[in-house]
């Protein structure tokens, strides 16, 4: 089965004014679509890999044939990262976290504001393109980190709870080079209900 571009769970303009309609359209219909297309093209060279979920491919990149490993890492990561990204945002989102993720953040970082500052700093400090993440380890401990390009934390044996895209195509039309402004505004569209579902299914099994 070829990998498919998932539809956006809301309209292109649903996240305005935080994320503008044109950015969402380009980001989903061109960038994410390209990752899916290029991932499938790479896997066509080794059709037996088509049956694997993208997470399986990324968890053990050393098992991927060398001739397509880079393409799977980049495009598989882009596909997995963006599939998560669309779902952890929603119209009229934001506010303080609730439920298990709120408890985990408080237990690790002390309070939500401190966590936000660390997360935003990770995104601002990521040189070039990449992602800021909240991840869990195999024991359920959580931490903030960043990854370059489209690398996903699963390739490092970590569990991605949620992340924010700091590639320029995610924010440049509206925020230009003001990445910290984008990072601060992004919290207004965060979908804490979806993040709690991810946290429960991935970490609190």
C-alpha atoms as a PDB file:
ATOM      1  CA  UNK A   1       0.000   0.000   0.000  1.00  0.00           C
ATOM      2  CA  UNK A   2       1.401   3.373  -1.004  1.00  0.00           C
ATOM      3  CA  UNK A   3       1.546   6.057   1.652  1.00  0.00           C
ATOM      4  CA  UNK A   4      -1.106   8.741   1.240  1.00  0.00           C
ATOM      5  CA  UNK A   5      -1.382  12.427   2.026  1.00  0.00           C
ATOM      6  CA  UNK A   6      -3.915  12.782   4.867  1.00  0.00           C
ATOM      7  CA  UNK A   7      -6.489  15.548   4.484  1.00  0.00           C
ATOM      8  CA  UNK A   8      -6.278  18.563   6.746  1.00  0.00           C
ATOM      9  CA  UNK A   9      -8.712  18.148   9.653  1.00  0.00           C
ATOM     10  CA  UNK A  10      -9.907  21.754   9.191  1.00  0.00           C
ATOM     11  CA  UNK A  11     -10.114  24.420   6.498  1.00  0.00           C
ATOM     12  CA  UNK A  12      -6.951  26.152   5.228  1.00  0.00           C
ATOM     13  CA  UNK A  13      -7.983  29.395   6.916  1.00  0.00           C
ATOM     14  CA  UNK A  14      -9.146  27.803  10.177  1.00  0.00           C
ATOM     15  CA  UNK A  15      -5.984  28.663  12.110  1.00  0.00           C
ATOM     16  CA  UNK A  16      -5.954  32.343  11.230  1.00  0.00           C
ATOM     17  CA  UNK A  17      -4.714  34.747  12.414  1.00  0.00           C
ATOM     18  CA  UNK A  18      -1.961  32.545  13.917  1.00  0.00           C
ATOM     19  CA  UNK A  19      -1.231  30.680  10.677  1.00  0.00           C
ATOM     20  CA  UNK A  20      -2.445  32.219   7.433  1.00  0.00           C
ATOM     21  CA  UNK A  21      -4.470  30.438   4.764  1.00  0.00           C
ATOM     22  CA  UNK A  22      -1.795  30.608   2.054  1.00  0.00           C
ATOM     23  CA  UNK A  23       0.847  29.107   4.304  1.00  0.00           C
ATOM     24  CA  UNK A  24      -1.430  26.217   5.234  1.00  0.00           C
ATOM     25  CA  UNK A  25      -2.292  25.544   1.608  1.00  0.00           C
ATOM     26  CA  UNK A  26       1.326  25.527   0.463  1.00  0.00           C
ATOM     27  CA  UNK A  27       2.513  23.621   3.501  1.00  0.00           C
ATOM     28  CA  UNK A  28      -0.006  20.811   3.181  1.00  0.00           C
ATOM     29  CA  UNK A  29      -0.681  20.589  -0.547  1.00  0.00           C
ATOM     30  CA  UNK A  30       2.876  21.105  -1.769  1.00  0.00           C
ATOM     31  CA  UNK A  31       5.417  20.365   0.966  1.00  0.00           C
ATOM     32  CA  UNK A  32       3.710  17.459   2.709  1.00  0.00           C
ATOM     33  CA  UNK A  33       2.459  16.080  -0.595  1.00  0.00           C
ATOM     34  CA  UNK A  34       6.025  16.119  -1.939  1.00  0.00           C
ATOM     35  CA  UNK A  35       7.301  14.125   1.043  1.00  0.00           C
ATOM     36  CA  UNK A  36       4.637  11.472   0.445  1.00  0.00           C
ATOM     37  CA  UNK A  37       5.376  11.308  -3.282  1.00  0.00           C
ATOM     38  CA  UNK A  38       9.129  11.069  -2.769  1.00  0.00           C
ATOM     39  CA  UNK A  39       8.778   8.462  -0.011  1.00  0.00           C
ATOM     40  CA  UNK A  40       6.675   6.252  -2.266  1.00  0.00           C
ATOM     41  CA  UNK A  41       9.129   6.700  -5.126  1.00  0.00           C
ATOM     42  CA  UNK A  42      11.989   5.576  -2.896  1.00  0.00           C
ATOM     43  CA  UNK A  43      10.073   2.551  -1.606  1.00  0.00           C
ATOM     44  CA  UNK A  44       9.207   1.530  -5.174  1.00  0.00           C
ATOM     45  CA  UNK A  45      12.861   0.482  -5.463  1.00  0.00           C
ATOM     46  CA  UNK A  46      12.304  -1.995  -2.622  1.00  0.00           C
ATOM     47  CA  UNK A  47       8.587  -2.900  -2.859  1.00  0.00           C
ATOM     48  CA  UNK A  48       8.716  -5.213   0.164  1.00  0.00           C
ATOM     49  CA  UNK A  49       9.027  -2.087   2.333  1.00  0.00           C
ATOM     50  CA  UNK A  50       5.678  -0.687   1.186  1.00  0.00           C
ATOM     51  CA  UNK A  51       3.923  -2.830   3.790  1.00  0.00           C
ATOM     52  CA  UNK A  52       5.702  -1.111   6.675  1.00  0.00           C
ATOM     53  CA  UNK A  53       4.286   1.888   8.492  1.00  0.00           C
ATOM     54  CA  UNK A  54       6.409   5.013   8.261  1.00  0.00           C
ATOM     55  CA  UNK A  55       7.204   4.794  11.975  1.00  0.00           C
ATOM     56  CA  UNK A  56       8.598   1.292  11.489  1.00  0.00           C
ATOM     57  CA  UNK A  57      10.853   2.536   8.708  1.00  0.00           C
ATOM     58  CA  UNK A  58      12.192   5.405  10.791  1.00  0.00           C
ATOM     59  CA  UNK A  59      12.712   3.419  13.990  1.00  0.00           C
ATOM     60  CA  UNK A  60      15.473   1.363  12.391  1.00  0.00           C
ATOM     61  CA  UNK A  61      17.026   3.363   9.590  1.00  0.00           C
ATOM     62  CA  UNK A  62      20.053   1.075   9.549  1.00  0.00           C
ATOM     63  CA  UNK A  63      17.765  -1.694   8.282  1.00  0.00           C
ATOM     64  CA  UNK A  64      16.742   0.414   5.275  1.00  0.00           C
ATOM     65  CA  UNK A  65      18.731  -0.351   2.113  1.00  0.00           C
ATOM     66  CA  UNK A  66      21.529   2.159   1.759  1.00  0.00           C
ATOM     67  CA  UNK A  67      20.452   3.358  -1.685  1.00  0.00           C
ATOM     68  CA  UNK A  68      17.157   4.721  -0.295  1.00  0.00           C
ATOM     69  CA  UNK A  69      18.058   5.346   3.352  1.00  0.00           C
ATOM     70  CA  UNK A  70      18.528   9.082   2.955  1.00  0.00           C
ATOM     71  CA  UNK A  71      15.291   9.466   1.008  1.00  0.00           C
ATOM     72  CA  UNK A  72      13.344   7.465   3.596  1.00  0.00           C
ATOM     73  CA  UNK A  73      14.883   9.418   6.458  1.00  0.00           C
ATOM     74  CA  UNK A  74      14.048  12.783   4.896  1.00  0.00           C
ATOM     75  CA  UNK A  75      10.711  12.071   3.245  1.00  0.00           C
ATOM     76  CA  UNK A  76       9.439   9.489   5.697  1.00  0.00           C
ATOM     77  CA  UNK A  77      10.300  11.909   8.474  1.00  0.00           C
ATOM     78  CA  UNK A  78       8.552  14.733   6.646  1.00  0.00           C
ATOM     79  CA  UNK A  79       5.445  12.580   6.222  1.00  0.00           C
ATOM     80  CA  UNK A  80       5.332  11.410   9.842  1.00  0.00           C
ATOM     81  CA  UNK A  81       6.135  14.835  11.284  1.00  0.00           C
ATOM     82  CA  UNK A  82       3.467  16.649   9.301  1.00  0.00           C
ATOM     83  CA  UNK A  83       0.793  14.024   9.867  1.00  0.00           C
ATOM     84  CA  UNK A  84       1.293  14.651  13.577  1.00  0.00           C
ATOM     85  CA  UNK A  85       1.530  18.425  13.121  1.00  0.00           C
ATOM     86  CA  UNK A  86      -1.871  18.942  11.474  1.00  0.00           C
ATOM     87  CA  UNK A  87      -3.610  16.980  14.198  1.00  0.00           C
ATOM     88  CA  UNK A  88      -2.063  18.672  17.208  1.00  0.00           C
ATOM     89  CA  UNK A  89      -3.456  22.022  16.061  1.00  0.00           C
ATOM     90  CA  UNK A  90      -7.054  23.200  15.940  1.00  0.00           C
ATOM     91  CA  UNK A  91      -9.100  26.380  15.552  1.00  0.00           C
ATOM     92  CA  UNK A  92      -9.603  28.244  18.836  1.00  0.00           C
ATOM     93  CA  UNK A  93      -7.054  26.051  20.547  1.00  0.00           C
ATOM     94  CA  UNK A  94      -4.373  27.015  23.001  1.00  0.00           C
ATOM     95  CA  UNK A  95      -4.704  27.869  26.653  1.00  0.00           C
ATOM     96  CA  UNK A  96      -3.032  25.946  29.422  1.00  0.00           C
ATOM     97  CA  UNK A  97      -2.719  22.180  29.090  1.00  0.00           C
ATOM     98  CA  UNK A  98      -5.005  19.930  31.083  1.00  0.00           C
ATOM     99  CA  UNK A  99      -5.066  16.282  32.056  1.00  0.00           C
ATOM    100  CA  UNK A 100      -2.097  13.905  32.060  1.00  0.00           C
ATOM    101  CA  UNK A 101       0.122  16.056  29.834  1.00  0.00           C
ATOM    102  CA  UNK A 102      -0.355  19.006  32.192  1.00  0.00           C
ATOM    103  CA  UNK A 103       0.667  16.836  35.137  1.00  0.00           C
ATOM    104  CA  UNK A 104       3.732  15.554  33.276  1.00  0.00           C
ATOM    105  CA  UNK A 105       4.798  19.074  32.299  1.00  0.00           C
ATOM    106  CA  UNK A 106       4.368  20.333  35.842  1.00  0.00           C
ATOM    107  CA  UNK A 107       6.254  17.370  37.283  1.00  0.00           C
ATOM    108  CA  UNK A 108       9.213  17.811  34.939  1.00  0.00           C
ATOM    109  CA  UNK A 109       9.422  21.553  34.329  1.00  0.00           C
ATOM    110  CA  UNK A 110       7.686  23.019  37.380  1.00  0.00           C
ATOM    111  CA  UNK A 111       5.065  24.995  35.479  1.00  0.00           C
ATOM    112  CA  UNK A 112       3.719  25.516  31.984  1.00  0.00           C
ATOM    113  CA  UNK A 113       5.416  28.892  31.471  1.00  0.00           C
ATOM    114  CA  UNK A 114       8.863  27.420  32.153  1.00  0.00           C
ATOM    115  CA  UNK A 115       8.134  24.583  29.753  1.00  0.00           C
ATOM    116  CA  UNK A 116       6.978  27.008  27.047  1.00  0.00           C
ATOM    117  CA  UNK A 117      10.170  29.026  27.417  1.00  0.00           C
ATOM    118  CA  UNK A 118      12.338  25.907  27.048  1.00  0.00           C
ATOM    119  CA  UNK A 119      10.325  24.650  24.076  1.00  0.00           C
ATOM    120  CA  UNK A 120      10.400  28.016  22.298  1.00  0.00           C
ATOM    121  CA  UNK A 121      14.123  28.358  22.984  1.00  0.00           C
ATOM    122  CA  UNK A 122      14.746  24.944  21.406  1.00  0.00           C
ATOM    123  CA  UNK A 123      12.843  26.036  18.302  1.00  0.00           C
ATOM    124  CA  UNK A 124      14.561  29.411  18.092  1.00  0.00           C
ATOM    125  CA  UNK A 125      18.031  27.918  18.551  1.00  0.00           C
ATOM    126  CA  UNK A 126      17.604  25.189  15.909  1.00  0.00           C
ATOM    127  CA  UNK A 127      20.002  26.307  13.185  1.00  0.00           C
ATOM    128  CA  UNK A 128      18.417  26.232   9.759  1.00  0.00           C
ATOM    129  CA  UNK A 129      15.419  23.980   9.289  1.00  0.00           C
ATOM    130  CA  UNK A 130      14.044  21.547  11.822  1.00  0.00           C
ATOM    131  CA  UNK A 131      11.597  20.871  14.626  1.00  0.00           C
ATOM    132  CA  UNK A 132      11.174  21.563  18.333  1.00  0.00           C
ATOM    133  CA  UNK A 133       9.846  18.571  20.277  1.00  0.00           C
ATOM    134  CA  UNK A 134       8.476  17.336  23.542  1.00  0.00           C
ATOM    135  CA  UNK A 135       9.544  13.703  23.695  1.00  0.00           C
ATOM    136  CA  UNK A 136       9.424  10.815  26.129  1.00  0.00           C
ATOM    137  CA  UNK A 137      12.007   8.134  26.733  1.00  0.00           C
ATOM    138  CA  UNK A 138      11.318   4.437  27.215  1.00  0.00           C
ATOM    139  CA  UNK A 139      10.737   4.991  30.938  1.00  0.00           C
ATOM    140  CA  UNK A 140       8.178   7.754  30.367  1.00  0.00           C
ATOM    141  CA  UNK A 141      10.406  10.662  31.311  1.00  0.00           C
ATOM    142  CA  UNK A 142       9.860  13.740  29.167  1.00  0.00           C
ATOM    143  CA  UNK A 143      12.212  16.382  27.799  1.00  0.00           C
ATOM    144  CA  UNK A 144      12.445  19.168  25.238  1.00  0.00           C
ATOM    145  CA  UNK A 145      14.731  18.755  22.243  1.00  0.00           C
ATOM    146  CA  UNK A 146      15.117  19.795  18.622  1.00  0.00           C
ATOM    147  CA  UNK A 147      15.986  17.887  15.467  1.00  0.00           C
ATOM    148  CA  UNK A 148      17.395  19.121  12.151  1.00  0.00           C
ATOM    149  CA  UNK A 149      15.617  18.857   8.830  1.00  0.00           C
ATOM    150  CA  UNK A 150      12.778  16.286   8.967  1.00  0.00           C
ATOM    151  CA  UNK A 151      14.429  13.959  11.468  1.00  0.00           C
ATOM    152  CA  UNK A 152      11.926  12.363  13.828  1.00  0.00           C
ATOM    153  CA  UNK A 153      12.850  11.445  17.420  1.00  0.00           C
ATOM    154  CA  UNK A 154      11.764   7.813  16.876  1.00  0.00           C
ATOM    155  CA  UNK A 155      15.048   7.335  15.012  1.00  0.00           C
ATOM    156  CA  UNK A 156      16.811   8.037  18.332  1.00  0.00           C
ATOM    157  CA  UNK A 157      14.653   5.611  20.296  1.00  0.00           C
ATOM    158  CA  UNK A 158      12.465   8.403  21.678  1.00  0.00           C
ATOM    159  CA  UNK A 159       8.698   8.913  21.610  1.00  0.00           C
ATOM    160  CA  UNK A 160       7.501  12.147  19.943  1.00  0.00           C
ATOM    161  CA  UNK A 161       4.601  13.547  21.968  1.00  0.00           C
ATOM    162  CA  UNK A 162       4.307  16.715  19.891  1.00  0.00           C
ATOM    163  CA  UNK A 163       6.455  19.067  17.868  1.00  0.00           C
ATOM    164  CA  UNK A 164       6.432  22.424  16.146  1.00  0.00           C
ATOM    165  CA  UNK A 165       7.735  22.906  12.618  1.00  0.00           C
ATOM    166  CA  UNK A 166      10.418  25.596  12.403  1.00  0.00           C
ATOM    167  CA  UNK A 167      11.166  25.258   8.707  1.00  0.00           C
ATOM    168  CA  UNK A 168      10.788  28.667   7.076  1.00  0.00           C
ATOM    169  CA  UNK A 169       7.934  27.421   4.900  1.00  0.00           C
ATOM    170  CA  UNK A 170       5.882  26.964   8.094  1.00  0.00           C
ATOM    171  CA  UNK A 171       5.882  30.646   8.992  1.00  0.00           C
ATOM    172  CA  UNK A 172       7.763  32.902   6.569  1.00  0.00           C
ATOM    173  CA  UNK A 173       4.833  34.364   4.612  1.00  0.00           C
ATOM    174  CA  UNK A 174       3.352  35.824   7.791  1.00  0.00           C
ATOM    175  CA  UNK A 175       6.270  36.171  10.198  1.00  0.00           C
ATOM    176  CA  UNK A 176       9.189  36.618   7.773  1.00  0.00           C
ATOM    177  CA  UNK A 177      12.405  36.015   9.708  1.00  0.00           C
ATOM    178  CA  UNK A 178      10.751  36.500  13.116  1.00  0.00           C
ATOM    179  CA  UNK A 179      10.790  32.858  14.164  1.00  0.00           C
ATOM    180  CA  UNK A 180      10.460  33.619  17.915  1.00  0.00           C
ATOM    181  CA  UNK A 181       7.242  35.537  17.170  1.00  0.00           C
ATOM    182  CA  UNK A 182       5.848  32.527  15.327  1.00  0.00           C
ATOM    183  CA  UNK A 183       6.891  30.189  18.142  1.00  0.00           C
ATOM    184  CA  UNK A 184       5.123  32.362  20.721  1.00  0.00           C
ATOM    185  CA  UNK A 185       1.935  32.683  18.627  1.00  0.00           C
ATOM    186  CA  UNK A 186       1.770  28.970  17.815  1.00  0.00           C
ATOM    187  CA  UNK A 187       0.520  28.101  21.295  1.00  0.00           C
ATOM    188  CA  UNK A 188      -2.805  29.765  20.373  1.00  0.00           C
ATOM    189  CA  UNK A 189      -3.681  26.864  18.055  1.00  0.00           C
ATOM    190  CA  UNK A 190      -2.370  23.922  20.073  1.00  0.00           C
ATOM    191  CA  UNK A 191      -4.853  21.068  20.441  1.00  0.00           C
ATOM    192  CA  UNK A 192      -4.289  19.813  23.993  1.00  0.00           C
ATOM    193  CA  UNK A 193      -7.028  17.193  23.704  1.00  0.00           C
ATOM    194  CA  UNK A 194      -5.222  15.541  20.800  1.00  0.00           C
ATOM    195  CA  UNK A 195      -1.882  15.841  22.574  1.00  0.00           C
ATOM    196  CA  UNK A 196      -3.365  14.104  25.621  1.00  0.00           C
ATOM    197  CA  UNK A 197      -4.596  11.291  23.352  1.00  0.00           C
ATOM    198  CA  UNK A 198      -1.108  10.935  21.882  1.00  0.00           C
ATOM    199  CA  UNK A 199       0.485  11.061  25.324  1.00  0.00           C
ATOM    200  CA  UNK A 200      -1.862   8.361  26.601  1.00  0.00           C
ATOM    201  CA  UNK A 201      -1.460   6.064  23.614  1.00  0.00           C
ATOM    202  CA  UNK A 202       2.285   6.487  23.166  1.00  0.00           C
ATOM    203  CA  UNK A 203       3.583   6.930  26.715  1.00  0.00           C
ATOM    204  CA  UNK A 204       0.932   5.799  29.198  1.00  0.00           C
ATOM    205  CA  UNK A 205       0.172   2.451  27.585  1.00  0.00           C
END
